[in-house]
């Protein structure tokens, strides 16, 4: 039996996305790799799971790497569930998700399929990391991100993560020489100011395209947005316990 750690790799951009291919190449230098990823783009799916449709999976081969790969018709969270329960011959020691094409910093973590896959692994008690590069282009260059991804991954394997904690890692779209280092951060208070572009089909039926702009409402210098704007890789420890623990005492004082 291999003494190398088993690393589950997944994403939300699809199994043939350049980002996941770059992530696989890094993980192959660290451990044994199994890939289970969507067969088509699933960006913005959040933590959706497939309940009212059939899930399909098949073994695929996109390159000559030693990894074992499966495509899945479901969401990123489905991919992790299926990997753990059906497609891996042992429980993964680590799950890495990405490299996402685009930011998952700040409020984007809520909508992110990349991070939801990592969170699903965390729910299963598997240490997990989501990696994102601030470049939405399909042809993004991931080379500068690889040394940081390898360092963070090796540190998680060495030190572990507390139960319920996963790491949200975002990387500036810069050369390796221009990235200043890694900052441990909190999630910035920010949101999307959204609009809908209303149009009509040739048949006169209304339809909508979601548009909007990202607004950072947080002036702190300890946030992921500040780190990224200033040339640092941001690392935010994130948790799936959404309880507002600080409000429990106040809520208990209500006349309920």
C-alpha atoms as a PDB file:
ATOM      1  CA  UNK A   1       0.000   0.000   0.000  1.00  0.00           C
ATOM      2  CA  UNK A   2       1.259   3.470  -0.886  1.00  0.00           C
ATOM      3  CA  UNK A   3       2.533   5.609   1.964  1.00  0.00           C
ATOM      4  CA  UNK A   4       1.814   8.768   0.005  1.00  0.00           C
ATOM      5  CA  UNK A   5      -1.214  10.829   1.028  1.00  0.00           C
ATOM      6  CA  UNK A   6      -4.273  10.374  -1.152  1.00  0.00           C
ATOM      7  CA  UNK A   7      -5.377  13.742  -2.524  1.00  0.00           C
ATOM      8  CA  UNK A   8      -8.847  14.255  -3.990  1.00  0.00           C
ATOM      9  CA  UNK A   9      -8.901  16.963  -6.678  1.00  0.00           C
ATOM     10  CA  UNK A  10     -12.095  18.618  -7.863  1.00  0.00           C
ATOM     11  CA  UNK A  11     -13.352  21.983  -9.156  1.00  0.00           C
ATOM     12  CA  UNK A  12     -16.359  23.831 -10.531  1.00  0.00           C
ATOM     13  CA  UNK A  13     -15.045  24.921 -13.949  1.00  0.00           C
ATOM     14  CA  UNK A  14     -15.165  21.383 -15.323  1.00  0.00           C
ATOM     15  CA  UNK A  15     -12.714  18.514 -15.507  1.00  0.00           C
ATOM     16  CA  UNK A  16     -11.055  19.780 -18.692  1.00  0.00           C
ATOM     17  CA  UNK A  17     -10.456  23.336 -17.399  1.00  0.00           C
ATOM     18  CA  UNK A  18      -6.820  24.514 -17.468  1.00  0.00           C
ATOM     19  CA  UNK A  19      -7.043  25.405 -13.767  1.00  0.00           C
ATOM     20  CA  UNK A  20      -7.729  21.876 -12.591  1.00  0.00           C
ATOM     21  CA  UNK A  21      -5.068  20.491 -14.925  1.00  0.00           C
ATOM     22  CA  UNK A  22      -2.530  22.837 -13.277  1.00  0.00           C
ATOM     23  CA  UNK A  23      -3.711  21.786  -9.803  1.00  0.00           C
ATOM     24  CA  UNK A  24      -3.399  18.109 -10.700  1.00  0.00           C
ATOM     25  CA  UNK A  25       0.193  18.624 -11.826  1.00  0.00           C
ATOM     26  CA  UNK A  26       1.098  20.144  -8.449  1.00  0.00           C
ATOM     27  CA  UNK A  27      -0.682  17.427  -6.468  1.00  0.00           C
ATOM     28  CA  UNK A  28       1.069  14.685  -8.443  1.00  0.00           C
ATOM     29  CA  UNK A  29       4.342  15.942  -6.960  1.00  0.00           C
ATOM     30  CA  UNK A  30       2.959  15.563  -3.428  1.00  0.00           C
ATOM     31  CA  UNK A  31       0.855  12.421  -3.255  1.00  0.00           C
ATOM     32  CA  UNK A  32      -1.405   9.909  -4.962  1.00  0.00           C
ATOM     33  CA  UNK A  33      -4.189  11.685  -6.810  1.00  0.00           C
ATOM     34  CA  UNK A  34      -7.803  10.862  -7.606  1.00  0.00           C
ATOM     35  CA  UNK A  35      -9.800  13.381  -9.616  1.00  0.00           C
ATOM     36  CA  UNK A  36     -13.588  13.623  -9.548  1.00  0.00           C
ATOM     37  CA  UNK A  37     -14.864  16.777 -11.230  1.00  0.00           C
ATOM     38  CA  UNK A  38     -17.924  18.021 -13.137  1.00  0.00           C
ATOM     39  CA  UNK A  39     -18.210  17.110 -16.792  1.00  0.00           C
ATOM     40  CA  UNK A  40     -19.298  20.684 -17.569  1.00  0.00           C
ATOM     41  CA  UNK A  41     -18.908  24.115 -15.909  1.00  0.00           C
ATOM     42  CA  UNK A  42     -20.714  24.454 -12.562  1.00  0.00           C
ATOM     43  CA  UNK A  43     -19.615  27.939 -11.479  1.00  0.00           C
ATOM     44  CA  UNK A  44     -21.904  29.746  -9.044  1.00  0.00           C
ATOM     45  CA  UNK A  45     -23.675  26.543  -7.995  1.00  0.00           C
ATOM     46  CA  UNK A  46     -22.798  27.045  -4.338  1.00  0.00           C
ATOM     47  CA  UNK A  47     -23.525  23.947  -2.251  1.00  0.00           C
ATOM     48  CA  UNK A  48     -26.212  22.555  -4.546  1.00  0.00           C
ATOM     49  CA  UNK A  49     -26.601  18.785  -4.689  1.00  0.00           C
ATOM     50  CA  UNK A  50     -28.457  16.616  -7.192  1.00  0.00           C
ATOM     51  CA  UNK A  51     -31.690  15.177  -5.782  1.00  0.00           C
ATOM     52  CA  UNK A  52     -34.179  14.978  -8.665  1.00  0.00           C
ATOM     53  CA  UNK A  53     -31.975  13.719 -11.468  1.00  0.00           C
ATOM     54  CA  UNK A  54     -29.702  10.760 -12.127  1.00  0.00           C
ATOM     55  CA  UNK A  55     -25.987  11.144 -11.437  1.00  0.00           C
ATOM     56  CA  UNK A  56     -23.577   9.738 -13.991  1.00  0.00           C
ATOM     57  CA  UNK A  57     -19.851   9.194 -13.699  1.00  0.00           C
ATOM     58  CA  UNK A  58     -17.236   7.683 -15.994  1.00  0.00           C
ATOM     59  CA  UNK A  59     -13.498   7.203 -15.913  1.00  0.00           C
ATOM     60  CA  UNK A  60     -11.702   9.584 -18.272  1.00  0.00           C
ATOM     61  CA  UNK A  61      -8.135  10.255 -19.425  1.00  0.00           C
ATOM     62  CA  UNK A  62      -7.069  13.781 -20.344  1.00  0.00           C
ATOM     63  CA  UNK A  63      -3.304  13.421 -20.045  1.00  0.00           C
ATOM     64  CA  UNK A  64      -0.570  10.935 -19.199  1.00  0.00           C
ATOM     65  CA  UNK A  65      -0.364  11.708 -15.481  1.00  0.00           C
ATOM     66  CA  UNK A  66      -0.547   8.906 -12.908  1.00  0.00           C
ATOM     67  CA  UNK A  67      -3.818  10.182 -11.445  1.00  0.00           C
ATOM     68  CA  UNK A  68      -7.093   8.293 -11.687  1.00  0.00           C
ATOM     69  CA  UNK A  69      -9.854  10.526 -13.078  1.00  0.00           C
ATOM     70  CA  UNK A  70     -13.627  10.509 -13.208  1.00  0.00           C
ATOM     71  CA  UNK A  71     -16.049  12.990 -14.710  1.00  0.00           C
ATOM     72  CA  UNK A  72     -19.389  13.502 -12.969  1.00  0.00           C
ATOM     73  CA  UNK A  73     -22.667  14.894 -14.282  1.00  0.00           C
ATOM     74  CA  UNK A  74     -23.408  16.597 -10.952  1.00  0.00           C
ATOM     75  CA  UNK A  75     -22.320  19.613  -8.941  1.00  0.00           C
ATOM     76  CA  UNK A  76     -18.975  20.107  -7.168  1.00  0.00           C
ATOM     77  CA  UNK A  77     -20.521  18.951  -3.890  1.00  0.00           C
ATOM     78  CA  UNK A  78     -21.875  15.862  -5.670  1.00  0.00           C
ATOM     79  CA  UNK A  79     -18.371  15.132  -6.947  1.00  0.00           C
ATOM     80  CA  UNK A  80     -16.932  15.060  -3.428  1.00  0.00           C
ATOM     81  CA  UNK A  81     -19.745  12.911  -2.088  1.00  0.00           C
ATOM     82  CA  UNK A  82     -19.399  10.443  -4.957  1.00  0.00           C
ATOM     83  CA  UNK A  83     -15.616  10.366  -4.659  1.00  0.00           C
ATOM     84  CA  UNK A  84     -15.706   9.499  -0.968  1.00  0.00           C
ATOM     85  CA  UNK A  85     -18.541   6.979  -1.136  1.00  0.00           C
ATOM     86  CA  UNK A  86     -17.996   5.248  -4.490  1.00  0.00           C
ATOM     87  CA  UNK A  87     -14.977   6.192  -6.577  1.00  0.00           C
ATOM     88  CA  UNK A  88     -12.013   6.204  -4.195  1.00  0.00           C
ATOM     89  CA  UNK A  89     -10.582   2.994  -2.790  1.00  0.00           C
ATOM     90  CA  UNK A  90      -9.658   4.741   0.476  1.00  0.00           C
ATOM     91  CA  UNK A  91     -10.639   7.905   2.293  1.00  0.00           C
ATOM     92  CA  UNK A  92      -8.711  10.896   0.945  1.00  0.00           C
ATOM     93  CA  UNK A  93      -6.204  12.511   3.291  1.00  0.00           C
ATOM     94  CA  UNK A  94      -6.848  15.889   1.669  1.00  0.00           C
ATOM     95  CA  UNK A  95      -9.243  17.507  -0.784  1.00  0.00           C
ATOM     96  CA  UNK A  96      -8.148  20.402  -2.995  1.00  0.00           C
ATOM     97  CA  UNK A  97     -10.564  22.296  -5.214  1.00  0.00           C
ATOM     98  CA  UNK A  98      -9.700  24.577  -8.146  1.00  0.00           C
ATOM     99  CA  UNK A  99      -7.695  26.240  -9.411  1.00  0.00           C
ATOM    100  CA  UNK A 100     -10.743  28.418 -10.007  1.00  0.00           C
ATOM    101  CA  UNK A 101     -10.705  30.818 -12.932  1.00  0.00           C
ATOM    102  CA  UNK A 102     -11.595  33.993 -10.989  1.00  0.00           C
ATOM    103  CA  UNK A 103     -11.864  35.292  -7.443  1.00  0.00           C
ATOM    104  CA  UNK A 104     -13.569  33.509  -4.576  1.00  0.00           C
ATOM    105  CA  UNK A 105     -12.577  36.146  -2.026  1.00  0.00           C
ATOM    106  CA  UNK A 106     -14.998  37.942   0.284  1.00  0.00           C
ATOM    107  CA  UNK A 107     -18.733  37.311  -0.342  1.00  0.00           C
ATOM    108  CA  UNK A 108     -17.934  35.216  -3.423  1.00  0.00           C
ATOM    109  CA  UNK A 109     -17.275  32.293  -1.079  1.00  0.00           C
ATOM    110  CA  UNK A 110     -21.046  32.011  -0.543  1.00  0.00           C
ATOM    111  CA  UNK A 111     -21.784  31.383  -4.224  1.00  0.00           C
ATOM    112  CA  UNK A 112     -18.655  29.437  -5.094  1.00  0.00           C
ATOM    113  CA  UNK A 113     -18.850  25.863  -6.310  1.00  0.00           C
ATOM    114  CA  UNK A 114     -15.091  25.644  -5.803  1.00  0.00           C
ATOM    115  CA  UNK A 115     -15.361  26.423  -2.113  1.00  0.00           C
ATOM    116  CA  UNK A 116     -18.511  24.360  -1.644  1.00  0.00           C
ATOM    117  CA  UNK A 117     -16.590  21.298  -2.805  1.00  0.00           C
ATOM    118  CA  UNK A 118     -13.918  22.038  -0.214  1.00  0.00           C
ATOM    119  CA  UNK A 119     -16.569  22.615   2.441  1.00  0.00           C
ATOM    120  CA  UNK A 120     -18.263  19.313   1.575  1.00  0.00           C
ATOM    121  CA  UNK A 121     -14.955  17.549   2.186  1.00  0.00           C
ATOM    122  CA  UNK A 122     -14.612  19.423   5.465  1.00  0.00           C
ATOM    123  CA  UNK A 123     -18.054  18.236   6.526  1.00  0.00           C
ATOM    124  CA  UNK A 124     -16.776  14.696   5.958  1.00  0.00           C
ATOM    125  CA  UNK A 125     -13.810  15.375   8.237  1.00  0.00           C
ATOM    126  CA  UNK A 126     -11.293  15.659   5.394  1.00  0.00           C
ATOM    127  CA  UNK A 127      -8.887  18.643   5.459  1.00  0.00           C
ATOM    128  CA  UNK A 128      -9.670  20.790   2.432  1.00  0.00           C
ATOM    129  CA  UNK A 129      -8.449  23.827   0.511  1.00  0.00           C
ATOM    130  CA  UNK A 130     -10.054  25.869  -2.250  1.00  0.00           C
ATOM    131  CA  UNK A 131      -7.656  27.619  -4.638  1.00  0.00           C
ATOM    132  CA  UNK A 132      -8.592  30.506  -6.939  1.00  0.00           C
ATOM    133  CA  UNK A 133      -6.631  32.728  -9.325  1.00  0.00           C
ATOM    134  CA  UNK A 134      -7.849  36.265 -10.005  1.00  0.00           C
ATOM    135  CA  UNK A 135      -8.054  35.722 -13.750  1.00  0.00           C
ATOM    136  CA  UNK A 136     -11.359  34.737 -15.371  1.00  0.00           C
ATOM    137  CA  UNK A 137      -9.744  33.911 -18.719  1.00  0.00           C
ATOM    138  CA  UNK A 138      -9.905  30.310 -19.892  1.00  0.00           C
ATOM    139  CA  UNK A 139      -6.303  30.778 -21.004  1.00  0.00           C
ATOM    140  CA  UNK A 140      -5.089  32.097 -17.631  1.00  0.00           C
ATOM    141  CA  UNK A 141      -1.464  31.407 -16.716  1.00  0.00           C
ATOM    142  CA  UNK A 142      -1.293  29.353 -13.518  1.00  0.00           C
ATOM    143  CA  UNK A 143       2.488  28.938 -13.318  1.00  0.00           C
ATOM    144  CA  UNK A 144       3.088  31.712 -10.749  1.00  0.00           C
ATOM    145  CA  UNK A 145       0.485  30.195  -8.427  1.00  0.00           C
ATOM    146  CA  UNK A 146       2.013  26.713  -8.292  1.00  0.00           C
ATOM    147  CA  UNK A 147       4.773  27.304  -5.670  1.00  0.00           C
ATOM    148  CA  UNK A 148       2.250  28.883  -3.283  1.00  0.00           C
ATOM    149  CA  UNK A 149      -0.239  26.093  -3.835  1.00  0.00           C
ATOM    150  CA  UNK A 150       2.429  23.488  -3.140  1.00  0.00           C
ATOM    151  CA  UNK A 151       3.607  25.227   0.040  1.00  0.00           C
ATOM    152  CA  UNK A 152       0.108  25.658   1.457  1.00  0.00           C
ATOM    153  CA  UNK A 153      -0.846  22.072   0.591  1.00  0.00           C
ATOM    154  CA  UNK A 154       2.266  20.607   2.213  1.00  0.00           C
ATOM    155  CA  UNK A 155       1.653  22.688   5.338  1.00  0.00           C
ATOM    156  CA  UNK A 156      -1.925  21.433   5.636  1.00  0.00           C
ATOM    157  CA  UNK A 157      -0.758  17.839   5.253  1.00  0.00           C
ATOM    158  CA  UNK A 158       1.925  18.419   7.895  1.00  0.00           C
ATOM    159  CA  UNK A 159      -0.101  20.414  10.428  1.00  0.00           C
ATOM    160  CA  UNK A 160      -3.694  19.394   9.721  1.00  0.00           C
ATOM    161  CA  UNK A 161      -6.768  21.579  10.095  1.00  0.00           C
ATOM    162  CA  UNK A 162      -9.257  21.767  12.985  1.00  0.00           C
ATOM    163  CA  UNK A 163     -12.557  20.003  12.460  1.00  0.00           C
ATOM    164  CA  UNK A 164     -14.956  22.276  10.620  1.00  0.00           C
ATOM    165  CA  UNK A 165     -12.270  24.539   9.138  1.00  0.00           C
ATOM    166  CA  UNK A 166     -11.274  24.729   5.459  1.00  0.00           C
ATOM    167  CA  UNK A 167      -8.937  27.193   3.755  1.00  0.00           C
ATOM    168  CA  UNK A 168     -10.038  29.686   1.107  1.00  0.00           C
ATOM    169  CA  UNK A 169      -6.935  30.649  -0.875  1.00  0.00           C
ATOM    170  CA  UNK A 170      -6.969  33.401  -3.515  1.00  0.00           C
ATOM    171  CA  UNK A 171      -3.963  34.284  -5.646  1.00  0.00           C
ATOM    172  CA  UNK A 172      -3.288  37.595  -7.425  1.00  0.00           C
ATOM    173  CA  UNK A 173      -2.991  37.573 -11.196  1.00  0.00           C
ATOM    174  CA  UNK A 174       0.704  38.471 -11.113  1.00  0.00           C
ATOM    175  CA  UNK A 175       4.069  36.974 -11.955  1.00  0.00           C
ATOM    176  CA  UNK A 176       5.765  35.004  -9.202  1.00  0.00           C
ATOM    177  CA  UNK A 177       8.288  37.842  -8.800  1.00  0.00           C
ATOM    178  CA  UNK A 178       5.497  40.347  -8.172  1.00  0.00           C
ATOM    179  CA  UNK A 179       3.613  38.277  -5.571  1.00  0.00           C
ATOM    180  CA  UNK A 180       4.859  39.574  -2.220  1.00  0.00           C
ATOM    181  CA  UNK A 181       3.996  36.541  -0.131  1.00  0.00           C
ATOM    182  CA  UNK A 182       1.085  35.022   1.807  1.00  0.00           C
ATOM    183  CA  UNK A 183      -1.254  36.856   4.191  1.00  0.00           C
ATOM    184  CA  UNK A 184      -3.566  35.149   6.683  1.00  0.00           C
ATOM    185  CA  UNK A 185      -6.753  37.191   6.465  1.00  0.00           C
ATOM    186  CA  UNK A 186     -10.373  37.552   7.376  1.00  0.00           C
ATOM    187  CA  UNK A 187     -13.136  37.686   4.793  1.00  0.00           C
ATOM    188  CA  UNK A 188     -13.784  41.273   3.679  1.00  0.00           C
ATOM    189  CA  UNK A 189     -17.226  42.790   4.146  1.00  0.00           C
ATOM    190  CA  UNK A 190     -18.305  43.305   0.552  1.00  0.00           C
ATOM    191  CA  UNK A 191     -21.174  42.492  -1.766  1.00  0.00           C
ATOM    192  CA  UNK A 192     -22.403  42.598  -5.324  1.00  0.00           C
ATOM    193  CA  UNK A 193     -24.681  45.460  -6.379  1.00  0.00           C
ATOM    194  CA  UNK A 194     -26.753  43.588  -8.898  1.00  0.00           C
ATOM    195  CA  UNK A 195     -28.920  44.572 -11.814  1.00  0.00           C
ATOM    196  CA  UNK A 196     -30.830  42.619 -14.435  1.00  0.00           C
ATOM    197  CA  UNK A 197     -30.400  43.392 -18.104  1.00  0.00           C
ATOM    198  CA  UNK A 198     -33.921  42.892 -19.468  1.00  0.00           C
ATOM    199  CA  UNK A 199     -34.297  41.875 -23.099  1.00  0.00           C
ATOM    200  CA  UNK A 200     -36.886  40.326 -25.402  1.00  0.00           C
ATOM    201  CA  UNK A 201     -36.760  37.258 -27.584  1.00  0.00           C
ATOM    202  CA  UNK A 202     -37.795  37.591 -31.247  1.00  0.00           C
ATOM    203  CA  UNK A 203     -41.133  36.173 -30.092  1.00  0.00           C
ATOM    204  CA  UNK A 204     -41.573  39.034 -27.602  1.00  0.00           C
ATOM    205  CA  UNK A 205     -40.898  37.055 -24.413  1.00  0.00           C
ATOM    206  CA  UNK A 206     -38.960  38.826 -21.654  1.00  0.00           C
ATOM    207  CA  UNK A 207     -35.644  37.378 -20.488  1.00  0.00           C
ATOM    208  CA  UNK A 208     -32.899  38.595 -18.156  1.00  0.00           C
ATOM    209  CA  UNK A 209     -29.095  38.597 -17.827  1.00  0.00           C
ATOM    210  CA  UNK A 210     -27.684  39.089 -14.348  1.00  0.00           C
ATOM    211  CA  UNK A 211     -25.158  41.923 -14.219  1.00  0.00           C
ATOM    212  CA  UNK A 212     -23.624  44.013 -11.446  1.00  0.00           C
ATOM    213  CA  UNK A 213     -20.484  45.300  -9.832  1.00  0.00           C
ATOM    214  CA  UNK A 214     -18.486  44.210  -6.818  1.00  0.00           C
ATOM    215  CA  UNK A 215     -18.346  46.748  -3.979  1.00  0.00           C
ATOM    216  CA  UNK A 216     -15.822  46.434  -1.146  1.00  0.00           C
ATOM    217  CA  UNK A 217     -17.322  48.044   1.980  1.00  0.00           C
ATOM    218  CA  UNK A 218     -14.387  47.110   4.203  1.00  0.00           C
ATOM    219  CA  UNK A 219     -11.449  49.442   4.820  1.00  0.00           C
ATOM    220  CA  UNK A 220      -9.517  46.990   6.973  1.00  0.00           C
ATOM    221  CA  UNK A 221      -5.969  46.005   6.099  1.00  0.00           C
ATOM    222  CA  UNK A 222      -6.440  42.493   7.476  1.00  0.00           C
ATOM    223  CA  UNK A 223      -8.901  41.342   4.783  1.00  0.00           C
ATOM    224  CA  UNK A 224      -8.553  39.104   1.755  1.00  0.00           C
ATOM    225  CA  UNK A 225      -9.485  41.971  -0.567  1.00  0.00           C
ATOM    226  CA  UNK A 226      -6.744  44.206   0.857  1.00  0.00           C
ATOM    227  CA  UNK A 227      -4.171  41.420   0.570  1.00  0.00           C
ATOM    228  CA  UNK A 228      -5.033  40.694  -3.040  1.00  0.00           C
ATOM    229  CA  UNK A 229      -5.078  44.369  -4.037  1.00  0.00           C
ATOM    230  CA  UNK A 230      -1.620  44.726  -2.504  1.00  0.00           C
ATOM    231  CA  UNK A 231      -0.014  41.747  -4.186  1.00  0.00           C
ATOM    232  CA  UNK A 232      -0.370  39.014  -1.557  1.00  0.00           C
ATOM    233  CA  UNK A 233      -1.885  35.556  -1.658  1.00  0.00           C
ATOM    234  CA  UNK A 234      -4.824  35.601   0.764  1.00  0.00           C
ATOM    235  CA  UNK A 235      -5.580  32.648   3.037  1.00  0.00           C
ATOM    236  CA  UNK A 236      -8.861  32.769   4.956  1.00  0.00           C
ATOM    237  CA  UNK A 237      -9.778  30.001   7.398  1.00  0.00           C
ATOM    238  CA  UNK A 238     -13.475  29.410   6.709  1.00  0.00           C
ATOM    239  CA  UNK A 239     -16.086  27.392   8.559  1.00  0.00           C
ATOM    240  CA  UNK A 240     -19.401  25.823   7.656  1.00  0.00           C
ATOM    241  CA  UNK A 241     -20.936  26.411  11.093  1.00  0.00           C
ATOM    242  CA  UNK A 242     -23.110  29.446  10.251  1.00  0.00           C
ATOM    243  CA  UNK A 243     -24.272  29.969  13.829  1.00  0.00           C
ATOM    244  CA  UNK A 244     -23.963  33.587  15.008  1.00  0.00           C
ATOM    245  CA  UNK A 245     -22.626  32.508  18.401  1.00  0.00           C
ATOM    246  CA  UNK A 246     -22.215  36.091  19.631  1.00  0.00           C
ATOM    247  CA  UNK A 247     -25.991  36.701  19.279  1.00  0.00           C
ATOM    248  CA  UNK A 248     -27.226  33.677  21.215  1.00  0.00           C
ATOM    249  CA  UNK A 249     -27.143  35.482  24.578  1.00  0.00           C
ATOM    250  CA  UNK A 250     -29.108  38.451  23.214  1.00  0.00           C
ATOM    251  CA  UNK A 251     -31.610  36.188  21.514  1.00  0.00           C
ATOM    252  CA  UNK A 252     -32.197  34.323  24.763  1.00  0.00           C
ATOM    253  CA  UNK A 253     -33.279  37.637  26.344  1.00  0.00           C
ATOM    254  CA  UNK A 254     -36.217  37.979  23.929  1.00  0.00           C
ATOM    255  CA  UNK A 255     -39.736  37.161  25.085  1.00  0.00           C
ATOM    256  CA  UNK A 256     -40.171  34.177  22.817  1.00  0.00           C
END
